[in-house]
Amino acid sequence: MMNRCRNFMEIVPERLYSVSEAARLLGVHRCTIYTYISLPERPLPFVRQTQSDRLSFQGAELIAFKSAGLPKKGRKRK
């Protein structure tokens, strides 16, 4: 049963992922994905679907972003 979960969490480079799916695969909250998109030094690339204006993420981009190391977690204090 554990192998099935591991295979489910595998990122397929050719596939498009929704915000929720990308968050689950990267191990972060859905709102954190929007923060990653707007990072000035290394933004997470996305594709905007024309018919629905939803954001999608190419699997290959998620793999590259994850392998480069996720940004430091935590809130920015003023």
PDB file of N, CA and C in Angstrom:
ATOM      1  N   MET A   1       0.829  -1.201   0.000  1.00  0.00           N
ATOM      2  CA  MET A   1       0.000   0.000   0.000  1.00  0.00           C
ATOM      3  C   MET A   1       0.864   1.253   0.000  1.00  0.00           C
ATOM      4  N   MET A   2       1.982   1.208   0.698  1.00  0.00           N
ATOM      5  CA  MET A   2       2.855   2.366   0.750  1.00  0.00           C
ATOM      6  C   MET A   2       3.443   2.685  -0.625  1.00  0.00           C
ATOM      7  N   ASN A   3       3.732   1.649  -1.427  1.00  0.00           N
ATOM      8  CA  ASN A   3       4.283   1.867  -2.759  1.00  0.00           C
ATOM      9  C   ASN A   3       3.302   2.606  -3.655  1.00  0.00           C
ATOM     10  N   ARG A   4       2.025   2.330  -3.491  1.00  0.00           N
ATOM     11  CA  ARG A   4       1.021   2.997  -4.299  1.00  0.00           C
ATOM     12  C   ARG A   4       1.009   4.495  -4.002  1.00  0.00           C
ATOM     13  N   CYS A   5       1.130   4.873  -2.744  1.00  0.00           N
ATOM     14  CA  CYS A   5       1.177   6.286  -2.369  1.00  0.00           C
ATOM     15  C   CYS A   5       2.437   6.944  -2.911  1.00  0.00           C
ATOM     16  N   ARG A   6       3.552   6.228  -2.858  1.00  0.00           N
ATOM     17  CA  ARG A   6       4.811   6.780  -3.350  1.00  0.00           C
ATOM     18  C   ARG A   6       4.714   7.030  -4.855  1.00  0.00           C
ATOM     19  N   ASN A   7       4.120   6.098  -5.596  1.00  0.00           N
ATOM     20  CA  ASN A   7       3.967   6.265  -7.031  1.00  0.00           C
ATOM     21  C   ASN A   7       3.012   7.407  -7.363  1.00  0.00           C
ATOM     22  N   PHE A   8       1.994   7.583  -6.531  1.00  0.00           N
ATOM     23  CA  PHE A   8       1.032   8.660  -6.760  1.00  0.00           C
ATOM     24  C   PHE A   8       1.703  10.026  -6.620  1.00  0.00           C
ATOM     25  N   MET A   9       2.671  10.116  -5.709  1.00  0.00           N
ATOM     26  CA  MET A   9       3.324  11.391  -5.463  1.00  0.00           C
ATOM     27  C   MET A   9       4.464  11.677  -6.448  1.00  0.00           C
ATOM     28  N   GLU A  10       4.702  10.774  -7.377  1.00  0.00           N
ATOM     29  CA  GLU A  10       5.740  10.985  -8.372  1.00  0.00           C
ATOM     30  C   GLU A  10       5.294  12.065  -9.351  1.00  0.00           C
ATOM     31  N   ILE A  11       6.189  12.968  -9.675  1.00  0.00           N
ATOM     32  CA  ILE A  11       5.865  14.062 -10.595  1.00  0.00           C
ATOM     33  C   ILE A  11       6.170  13.614 -12.021  1.00  0.00           C
ATOM     34  N   VAL A  12       5.184  13.724 -12.892  1.00  0.00           N
ATOM     35  CA  VAL A  12       5.341  13.363 -14.303  1.00  0.00           C
ATOM     36  C   VAL A  12       5.711  14.638 -15.067  1.00  0.00           C
ATOM     37  N   PRO A  13       6.886  14.680 -15.710  1.00  0.00           N
ATOM     38  CA  PRO A  13       7.356  15.912 -16.355  1.00  0.00           C
ATOM     39  C   PRO A  13       6.425  16.471 -17.435  1.00  0.00           C
ATOM     40  N   GLU A  14       5.730  15.610 -18.158  1.00  0.00           N
ATOM     41  CA  GLU A  14       4.897  16.072 -19.278  1.00  0.00           C
ATOM     42  C   GLU A  14       3.514  16.543 -18.840  1.00  0.00           C
ATOM     43  N   ARG A  15       3.142  16.311 -17.609  1.00  0.00           N
ATOM     44  CA  ARG A  15       1.781  16.588 -17.145  1.00  0.00           C
ATOM     45  C   ARG A  15       1.661  18.003 -16.584  1.00  0.00           C
ATOM     46  N   LEU A  16       0.458  18.576 -16.710  1.00  0.00           N
ATOM     47  CA  LEU A  16       0.143  19.853 -16.071  1.00  0.00           C
ATOM     48  C   LEU A  16      -0.529  19.579 -14.733  1.00  0.00           C
ATOM     49  N   TYR A  17      -0.158  20.340 -13.715  1.00  0.00           N
ATOM     50  CA  TYR A  17      -0.703  20.172 -12.369  1.00  0.00           C
ATOM     51  C   TYR A  17      -1.416  21.446 -11.932  1.00  0.00           C
ATOM     52  N   SER A  18      -2.497  21.276 -11.180  1.00  0.00           N
ATOM     53  CA  SER A  18      -3.228  22.416 -10.628  1.00  0.00           C
ATOM     54  C   SER A  18      -2.463  22.971  -9.429  1.00  0.00           C
ATOM     55  N   VAL A  19      -2.934  24.073  -8.884  1.00  0.00           N
ATOM     56  CA  VAL A  19      -2.304  24.681  -7.713  1.00  0.00           C
ATOM     57  C   VAL A  19      -2.338  23.705  -6.532  1.00  0.00           C
ATOM     58  N   SER A  20      -3.471  23.079  -6.297  1.00  0.00           N
ATOM     59  CA  SER A  20      -3.595  22.138  -5.184  1.00  0.00           C
ATOM     60  C   SER A  20      -2.692  20.928  -5.357  1.00  0.00           C
ATOM     61  N   GLU A  21      -2.621  20.403  -6.574  1.00  0.00           N
ATOM     62  CA  GLU A  21      -1.753  19.256  -6.833  1.00  0.00           C
ATOM     63  C   GLU A  21      -0.285  19.628  -6.662  1.00  0.00           C
ATOM     64  N   ALA A  22       0.098  20.801  -7.168  1.00  0.00           N
ATOM     65  CA  ALA A  22       1.483  21.260  -7.034  1.00  0.00           C
ATOM     66  C   ALA A  22       1.847  21.437  -5.566  1.00  0.00           C
ATOM     67  N   ALA A  23       0.927  21.990  -4.786  1.00  0.00           N
ATOM     68  CA  ALA A  23       1.173  22.179  -3.354  1.00  0.00           C
ATOM     69  C   ALA A  23       1.387  20.835  -2.666  1.00  0.00           C
ATOM     70  N   ARG A  24       0.570  19.871  -2.994  1.00  0.00           N
ATOM     71  CA  ARG A  24       0.703  18.544  -2.387  1.00  0.00           C
ATOM     72  C   ARG A  24       2.024  17.899  -2.778  1.00  0.00           C
ATOM     73  N   LEU A  25       2.423  18.033  -4.035  1.00  0.00           N
ATOM     74  CA  LEU A  25       3.667  17.423  -4.499  1.00  0.00           C
ATOM     75  C   LEU A  25       4.902  18.094  -3.903  1.00  0.00           C
ATOM     76  N   LEU A  26       4.818  19.408  -3.667  1.00  0.00           N
ATOM     77  CA  LEU A  26       5.951  20.123  -3.078  1.00  0.00           C
ATOM     78  C   LEU A  26       5.928  20.088  -1.558  1.00  0.00           C
ATOM     79  N   GLY A  27       4.804  19.640  -0.988  1.00  0.00           N
ATOM     80  CA  GLY A  27       4.715  19.526   0.460  1.00  0.00           C
ATOM     81  C   GLY A  27       4.484  20.851   1.167  1.00  0.00           C
ATOM     82  N   VAL A  28       3.771  21.755   0.496  1.00  0.00           N
ATOM     83  CA  VAL A  28       3.476  23.066   1.076  1.00  0.00           C
ATOM     84  C   VAL A  28       1.980  23.344   0.984  1.00  0.00           C
ATOM     85  N   HIS A  29       1.540  24.430   1.618  1.00  0.00           N
ATOM     86  CA  HIS A  29       0.143  24.840   1.558  1.00  0.00           C
ATOM     87  C   HIS A  29      -0.145  25.480   0.200  1.00  0.00           C
ATOM     88  N   ARG A  30      -1.384  25.429  -0.203  1.00  0.00           N
ATOM     89  CA  ARG A  30      -1.806  26.011  -1.481  1.00  0.00           C
ATOM     90  C   ARG A  30      -1.464  27.498  -1.567  1.00  0.00           C
ATOM     91  N   CYS A  31      -1.620  28.224  -0.482  1.00  0.00           N
ATOM     92  CA  CYS A  31      -1.300  29.664  -0.473  1.00  0.00           C
ATOM     93  C   CYS A  31       0.191  29.916  -0.670  1.00  0.00           C
ATOM     94  N   THR A  32       1.015  28.975  -0.241  1.00  0.00           N
ATOM     95  CA  THR A  32       2.464  29.112  -0.404  1.00  0.00           C
ATOM     96  C   THR A  32       2.847  29.041  -1.875  1.00  0.00           C
ATOM     97  N   ILE A  33       2.090  28.326  -2.672  1.00  0.00           N
ATOM     98  CA  ILE A  33       2.350  28.252  -4.114  1.00  0.00           C
ATOM     99  C   ILE A  33       2.250  29.649  -4.722  1.00  0.00           C
ATOM    100  N   TYR A  34       1.248  30.430  -4.314  1.00  0.00           N
ATOM    101  CA  TYR A  34       1.112  31.791  -4.833  1.00  0.00           C
ATOM    102  C   TYR A  34       2.282  32.670  -4.399  1.00  0.00           C
ATOM    103  N   THR A  35       2.823  32.413  -3.214  1.00  0.00           N
ATOM    104  CA  THR A  35       4.010  33.131  -2.754  1.00  0.00           C
ATOM    105  C   THR A  35       5.204  32.755  -3.617  1.00  0.00           C
ATOM    106  N   TYR A  36       5.348  31.471  -3.937  1.00  0.00           N
ATOM    107  CA  TYR A  36       6.451  31.018  -4.777  1.00  0.00           C
ATOM    108  C   TYR A  36       6.387  31.639  -6.171  1.00  0.00           C
ATOM    109  N   ILE A  37       5.188  31.866  -6.684  1.00  0.00           N
ATOM    110  CA  ILE A  37       5.024  32.477  -8.006  1.00  0.00           C
ATOM    111  C   ILE A  37       5.586  33.897  -8.014  1.00  0.00           C
ATOM    112  N   SER A  38       5.415  34.620  -6.906  1.00  0.00           N
ATOM    113  CA  SER A  38       5.809  36.024  -6.869  1.00  0.00           C
ATOM    114  C   SER A  38       7.193  36.269  -6.261  1.00  0.00           C
ATOM    115  N   LEU A  39       7.977  35.209  -6.059  1.00  0.00           N
ATOM    116  CA  LEU A  39       9.329  35.394  -5.526  1.00  0.00           C
ATOM    117  C   LEU A  39      10.174  36.189  -6.521  1.00  0.00           C
ATOM    118  N   PRO A  40      10.855  37.234  -6.060  1.00  0.00           N
ATOM    119  CA  PRO A  40      11.638  38.052  -7.000  1.00  0.00           C
ATOM    120  C   PRO A  40      12.905  37.352  -7.511  1.00  0.00           C
ATOM    121  N   GLU A  41      13.565  36.561  -6.658  1.00  0.00           N
ATOM    122  CA  GLU A  41      14.837  35.963  -7.074  1.00  0.00           C
ATOM    123  C   GLU A  41      14.677  34.691  -7.901  1.00  0.00           C
ATOM    124  N   ARG A  42      13.645  33.907  -7.647  1.00  0.00           N
ATOM    125  CA  ARG A  42      13.448  32.644  -8.376  1.00  0.00           C
ATOM    126  C   ARG A  42      11.971  32.273  -8.362  1.00  0.00           C
ATOM    127  N   PRO A  43      11.163  32.913  -9.212  1.00  0.00           N
ATOM    128  CA  PRO A  43       9.720  32.607  -9.203  1.00  0.00           C
ATOM    129  C   PRO A  43       9.421  31.228  -9.787  1.00  0.00           C
ATOM    130  N   LEU A  44       8.353  30.622  -9.290  1.00  0.00           N
ATOM    131  CA  LEU A  44       7.885  29.339  -9.803  1.00  0.00           C
ATOM    132  C   LEU A  44       7.147  29.587 -11.119  1.00  0.00           C
ATOM    133  N   PRO A  45       7.636  29.035 -12.239  1.00  0.00           N
ATOM    134  CA  PRO A  45       6.969  29.252 -13.535  1.00  0.00           C
ATOM    135  C   PRO A  45       5.596  28.582 -13.577  1.00  0.00           C
ATOM    136  N   PHE A  46       4.663  29.236 -14.256  1.00  0.00           N
ATOM    137  CA  PHE A  46       3.312  28.694 -14.375  1.00  0.00           C
ATOM    138  C   PHE A  46       2.754  28.983 -15.753  1.00  0.00           C
ATOM    139  N   VAL A  47       1.656  28.304 -16.076  1.00  0.00           N
ATOM    140  CA  VAL A  47       0.941  28.488 -17.331  1.00  0.00           C
ATOM    141  C   VAL A  47      -0.487  28.873 -16.978  1.00  0.00           C
ATOM    142  N   ARG A  48      -0.999  29.927 -17.598  1.00  0.00           N
ATOM    143  CA  ARG A  48      -2.386  30.323 -17.369  1.00  0.00           C
ATOM    144  C   ARG A  48      -3.243  29.720 -18.469  1.00  0.00           C
ATOM    145  N   GLN A  49      -4.218  28.899 -18.077  1.00  0.00           N
ATOM    146  CA  GLN A  49      -5.109  28.270 -19.050  1.00  0.00           C
ATOM    147  C   GLN A  49      -6.076  29.318 -19.571  1.00  0.00           C
ATOM    148  N   THR A  50      -6.175  29.438 -20.884  1.00  0.00           N
ATOM    149  CA  THR A  50      -6.967  30.506 -21.500  1.00  0.00           C
ATOM    150  C   THR A  50      -8.470  30.345 -21.291  1.00  0.00           C
ATOM    151  N   GLN A  51      -8.962  29.122 -21.320  1.00  0.00           N
ATOM    152  CA  GLN A  51     -10.408  28.929 -21.221  1.00  0.00           C
ATOM    153  C   GLN A  51     -10.952  29.166 -19.822  1.00  0.00           C
ATOM    154  N   SER A  52     -10.124  29.012 -18.780  1.00  0.00           N
ATOM    155  CA  SER A  52     -10.661  29.143 -17.426  1.00  0.00           C
ATOM    156  C   SER A  52      -9.872  30.097 -16.534  1.00  0.00           C
ATOM    157  N   ASP A  53      -8.782  30.673 -17.023  1.00  0.00           N
ATOM    158  CA  ASP A  53      -7.915  31.571 -16.253  1.00  0.00           C
ATOM    159  C   ASP A  53      -7.325  30.911 -15.011  1.00  0.00           C
ATOM    160  N   ARG A  54      -7.263  29.588 -14.996  1.00  0.00           N
ATOM    161  CA  ARG A  54      -6.642  28.873 -13.874  1.00  0.00           C
ATOM    162  C   ARG A  54      -5.154  28.733 -14.131  1.00  0.00           C
ATOM    163  N   LEU A  55      -4.409  28.627 -13.044  1.00  0.00           N
ATOM    164  CA  LEU A  55      -2.977  28.438 -13.154  1.00  0.00           C
ATOM    165  C   LEU A  55      -2.652  26.957 -13.184  1.00  0.00           C
ATOM    166  N   SER A  56      -1.681  26.596 -14.005  1.00  0.00           N
ATOM    167  CA  SER A  56      -1.196  25.225 -14.080  1.00  0.00           C
ATOM    168  C   SER A  56       0.317  25.256 -14.045  1.00  0.00           C
ATOM    169  N   PHE A  57       0.888  24.135 -13.640  1.00  0.00           N
ATOM    170  CA  PHE A  57       2.330  24.028 -13.526  1.00  0.00           C
ATOM    171  C   PHE A  57       2.800  22.803 -14.284  1.00  0.00           C
ATOM    172  N   GLN A  58       3.786  22.993 -15.142  1.00  0.00           N
ATOM    173  CA  GLN A  58       4.371  21.883 -15.892  1.00  0.00           C
ATOM    174  C   GLN A  58       5.163  21.019 -14.926  1.00  0.00           C
ATOM    175  N   GLY A  59       5.020  19.709 -15.037  1.00  0.00           N
ATOM    176  CA  GLY A  59       5.707  18.783 -14.145  1.00  0.00           C
ATOM    177  C   GLY A  59       7.212  18.977 -14.138  1.00  0.00           C
ATOM    178  N   ALA A  60       7.795  19.235 -15.311  1.00  0.00           N
ATOM    179  CA  ALA A  60       9.242  19.434 -15.411  1.00  0.00           C
ATOM    180  C   ALA A  60       9.678  20.657 -14.606  1.00  0.00           C
ATOM    181  N   GLU A  61       8.861  21.717 -14.611  1.00  0.00           N
ATOM    182  CA  GLU A  61       9.180  22.930 -13.846  1.00  0.00           C
ATOM    183  C   GLU A  61       9.101  22.661 -12.349  1.00  0.00           C
ATOM    184  N   LEU A  62       8.133  21.854 -11.935  1.00  0.00           N
ATOM    185  CA  LEU A  62       8.019  21.502 -10.512  1.00  0.00           C
ATOM    186  C   LEU A  62       9.227  20.683 -10.060  1.00  0.00           C
ATOM    187  N   ILE A  63       9.669  19.776 -10.905  1.00  0.00           N
ATOM    188  CA  ILE A  63      10.843  18.968 -10.575  1.00  0.00           C
ATOM    189  C   ILE A  63      12.073  19.857 -10.427  1.00  0.00           C
ATOM    190  N   ALA A  64      12.251  20.789 -11.374  1.00  0.00           N
ATOM    191  CA  ALA A  64      13.407  21.689 -11.327  1.00  0.00           C
ATOM    192  C   ALA A  64      13.349  22.588 -10.095  1.00  0.00           C
ATOM    193  N   PHE A  65      12.162  23.101  -9.778  1.00  0.00           N
ATOM    194  CA  PHE A  65      11.998  23.991  -8.624  1.00  0.00           C
ATOM    195  C   PHE A  65      12.278  23.238  -7.334  1.00  0.00           C
ATOM    196  N   LYS A  66      11.785  22.004  -7.248  1.00  0.00           N
ATOM    197  CA  LYS A  66      11.980  21.203  -6.041  1.00  0.00           C
ATOM    198  C   LYS A  66      13.443  20.770  -5.885  1.00  0.00           C
ATOM    199  N   SER A  67      14.084  20.416  -6.982  1.00  0.00           N
ATOM    200  CA  SER A  67      15.478  19.965  -6.903  1.00  0.00           C
ATOM    201  C   SER A  67      16.431  21.113  -6.604  1.00  0.00           C
ATOM    202  N   ALA A  68      16.060  22.335  -6.968  1.00  0.00           N
ATOM    203  CA  ALA A  68      16.895  23.507  -6.666  1.00  0.00           C
ATOM    204  C   ALA A  68      16.789  23.900  -5.203  1.00  0.00           C
ATOM    205  N   GLY A  69      15.823  23.340  -4.516  1.00  0.00           N
ATOM    206  CA  GLY A  69      15.636  23.644  -3.097  1.00  0.00           C
ATOM    207  C   GLY A  69      14.500  24.634  -2.910  1.00  0.00           C
ATOM    208  N   LEU A  70      13.575  24.279  -2.051  1.00  0.00           N
ATOM    209  CA  LEU A  70      12.443  25.160  -1.792  1.00  0.00           C
ATOM    210  C   LEU A  70      12.909  26.342  -0.962  1.00  0.00           C
ATOM    211  N   PRO A  71      12.310  27.513  -1.165  1.00  0.00           N
ATOM    212  CA  PRO A  71      12.669  28.679  -0.359  1.00  0.00           C
ATOM    213  C   PRO A  71      12.433  28.421   1.125  1.00  0.00           C
ATOM    214  N   LYS A  72      13.103  29.196   1.945  1.00  0.00           N
ATOM    215  CA  LYS A  72      12.993  29.051   3.390  1.00  0.00           C
ATOM    216  C   LYS A  72      11.562  29.278   3.837  1.00  0.00           C
ATOM    217  N   LYS A  73      11.083  28.406   4.745  1.00  0.00           N
ATOM    218  CA  LYS A  73       9.727  28.530   5.232  1.00  0.00           C
ATOM    219  C   LYS A  73       9.672  29.566   6.346  1.00  0.00           C
ATOM    220  N   GLY A  74       8.495  30.075   6.587  1.00  0.00           N
ATOM    221  CA  GLY A  74       8.290  31.008   7.690  1.00  0.00           C
ATOM    222  C   GLY A  74       7.753  32.345   7.209  1.00  0.00           C
ATOM    223  N   ARG A  75       7.175  33.044   8.127  1.00  0.00           N
ATOM    224  CA  ARG A  75       6.612  34.349   7.805  1.00  0.00           C
ATOM    225  C   ARG A  75       7.712  35.397   7.812  1.00  0.00           C
ATOM    226  N   LYS A  76       7.510  36.397   6.971  1.00  0.00           N
ATOM    227  CA  LYS A  76       8.439  37.515   6.944  1.00  0.00           C
ATOM    228  C   LYS A  76       7.991  38.513   8.005  1.00  0.00           C
ATOM    229  N   ARG A  77       8.859  38.817   8.906  1.00  0.00           N
ATOM    230  CA  ARG A  77       8.551  39.765   9.979  1.00  0.00           C
ATOM    231  C   ARG A  77       8.960  41.160   9.561  1.00  0.00           C
ATOM    232  N   LYS A  78       8.157  42.134   9.970  1.00  0.00           N
ATOM    233  CA  LYS A  78       8.461  43.537   9.652  1.00  0.00           C
ATOM    234  C   LYS A  78       9.325  44.151  10.717  1.00  0.00           C
TER     235      LYS A  78
END
